Amino acid sequence: MPSQPTADFTDFKVADLSLAAFGRKEITLAEHEMPGLMAIR
């Protein structure tokens, strides 16, 4: 089920781009710790 962007979509404002690597690491860790949640995603 691919998502389609809507006409009212606006970009997100990023407060601190230097935290992007940390955020990716946290997401990867959460995916491995909660496989059941990722299965229903």
N, C-alpha and C. Protein backbone atom coordinates (compact mmCIF):
# COMPACT_ATOMS: atom_id res chain seq x y z
N MET A 1 0.84 -1.16 0.00
CA MET A 1 0.00 0.00 0.00
C MET A 1 0.89 1.24 0.00
N PRO A 2 1.26 1.75 -1.16
CA PRO A 2 2.11 2.95 -1.22
C PRO A 2 1.33 4.19 -0.82
N SER A 3 1.99 5.06 -0.11
CA SER A 3 1.32 6.29 0.30
C SER A 3 1.52 7.36 -0.76
N GLN A 4 0.52 8.16 -0.94
CA GLN A 4 0.55 9.23 -1.92
C GLN A 4 0.64 10.57 -1.19
N PRO A 5 1.56 11.44 -1.61
CA PRO A 5 1.62 12.76 -0.97
C PRO A 5 0.37 13.56 -1.29
N THR A 6 -0.10 14.31 -0.33
CA THR A 6 -1.28 15.13 -0.56
C THR A 6 -0.87 16.55 -0.91
N ALA A 7 -1.80 17.29 -1.43
CA ALA A 7 -1.52 18.66 -1.85
C ALA A 7 -1.19 19.57 -0.66
N ASP A 8 -1.67 19.23 0.52
CA ASP A 8 -1.43 20.08 1.68
C ASP A 8 -0.19 19.68 2.47
N PHE A 9 0.65 18.82 1.90
CA PHE A 9 1.88 18.38 2.58
C PHE A 9 2.86 19.54 2.67
N THR A 10 3.44 19.73 3.85
CA THR A 10 4.49 20.73 4.02
C THR A 10 5.73 20.04 4.58
N ASP A 11 6.88 20.54 4.23
CA ASP A 11 8.13 19.97 4.72
C ASP A 11 8.25 20.20 6.23
N PHE A 12 9.04 19.35 6.85
CA PHE A 12 9.27 19.48 8.28
C PHE A 12 10.44 20.42 8.53
N LYS A 13 10.38 21.15 9.60
CA LYS A 13 11.47 22.02 9.99
C LYS A 13 12.40 21.23 10.90
N VAL A 14 13.66 21.14 10.52
CA VAL A 14 14.64 20.38 11.29
C VAL A 14 15.36 21.35 12.22
N ALA A 15 15.30 21.06 13.52
CA ALA A 15 15.90 21.95 14.50
C ALA A 15 17.41 21.82 14.54
N ASP A 16 17.92 20.58 14.51
CA ASP A 16 19.36 20.36 14.62
C ASP A 16 19.75 19.15 13.78
N LEU A 17 20.26 19.40 12.59
CA LEU A 17 20.61 18.33 11.66
C LEU A 17 21.77 17.47 12.16
N SER A 18 22.54 17.98 13.10
CA SER A 18 23.67 17.19 13.61
C SER A 18 23.19 15.98 14.43
N LEU A 19 21.92 15.96 14.80
CA LEU A 19 21.38 14.83 15.57
C LEU A 19 20.80 13.73 14.67
N ALA A 20 20.90 13.88 13.35
CA ALA A 20 20.32 12.91 12.42
C ALA A 20 20.93 11.52 12.59
N ALA A 21 22.23 11.43 12.72
CA ALA A 21 22.89 10.12 12.86
C ALA A 21 22.43 9.43 14.14
N PHE A 22 22.31 10.18 15.22
CA PHE A 22 21.83 9.62 16.48
C PHE A 22 20.40 9.11 16.34
N GLY A 23 19.58 9.86 15.64
CA GLY A 23 18.19 9.45 15.43
C GLY A 23 18.08 8.17 14.63
N ARG A 24 18.89 8.05 13.58
CA ARG A 24 18.89 6.83 12.77
C ARG A 24 19.31 5.63 13.61
N LYS A 25 20.31 5.83 14.47
CA LYS A 25 20.79 4.76 15.35
C LYS A 25 19.68 4.33 16.31
N GLU A 26 18.96 5.29 16.86
CA GLU A 26 17.86 4.98 17.78
C GLU A 26 16.74 4.22 17.08
N ILE A 27 16.43 4.60 15.84
CA ILE A 27 15.38 3.91 15.09
C ILE A 27 15.79 2.47 14.80
N THR A 28 17.04 2.26 14.40
CA THR A 28 17.54 0.91 14.14
C THR A 28 17.48 0.06 15.40
N LEU A 29 17.88 0.63 16.51
CA LEU A 29 17.83 -0.09 17.78
C LEU A 29 16.39 -0.46 18.14
N ALA A 30 15.47 0.46 17.97
CA ALA A 30 14.06 0.19 18.28
C ALA A 30 13.49 -0.89 17.38
N GLU A 31 13.88 -0.90 16.09
CA GLU A 31 13.39 -1.92 15.17
C GLU A 31 13.84 -3.31 15.61
N HIS A 32 15.06 -3.41 16.13
CA HIS A 32 15.57 -4.71 16.57
C HIS A 32 14.98 -5.13 17.91
N GLU A 33 14.66 -4.18 18.76
CA GLU A 33 14.11 -4.50 20.08
C GLU A 33 12.61 -4.80 20.03
N MET A 34 11.93 -4.33 18.98
CA MET A 34 10.48 -4.52 18.89
C MET A 34 10.09 -5.12 17.54
N PRO A 35 10.49 -6.37 17.26
CA PRO A 35 10.17 -6.96 15.96
C PRO A 35 8.67 -7.14 15.74
N GLY A 36 7.92 -7.36 16.80
CA GLY A 36 6.47 -7.50 16.66
C GLY A 36 5.83 -6.22 16.15
N LEU A 37 6.29 -5.10 16.66
CA LEU A 37 5.77 -3.81 16.21
C LEU A 37 6.11 -3.57 14.75
N MET A 38 7.31 -3.94 14.35
CA MET A 38 7.71 -3.75 12.96
C MET A 38 6.94 -4.68 12.02
N ALA A 39 6.52 -5.85 12.52
CA ALA A 39 5.76 -6.79 11.71
C ALA A 39 4.38 -6.25 11.35
N ILE A 40 3.77 -5.48 12.26
CA ILE A 40 2.44 -4.93 11.97
C ILE A 40 2.52 -3.59 11.25
N ARG A 41 3.68 -3.08 11.07
CA ARG A 41 3.88 -1.79 10.41
C ARG A 41 3.45 -1.81 8.98
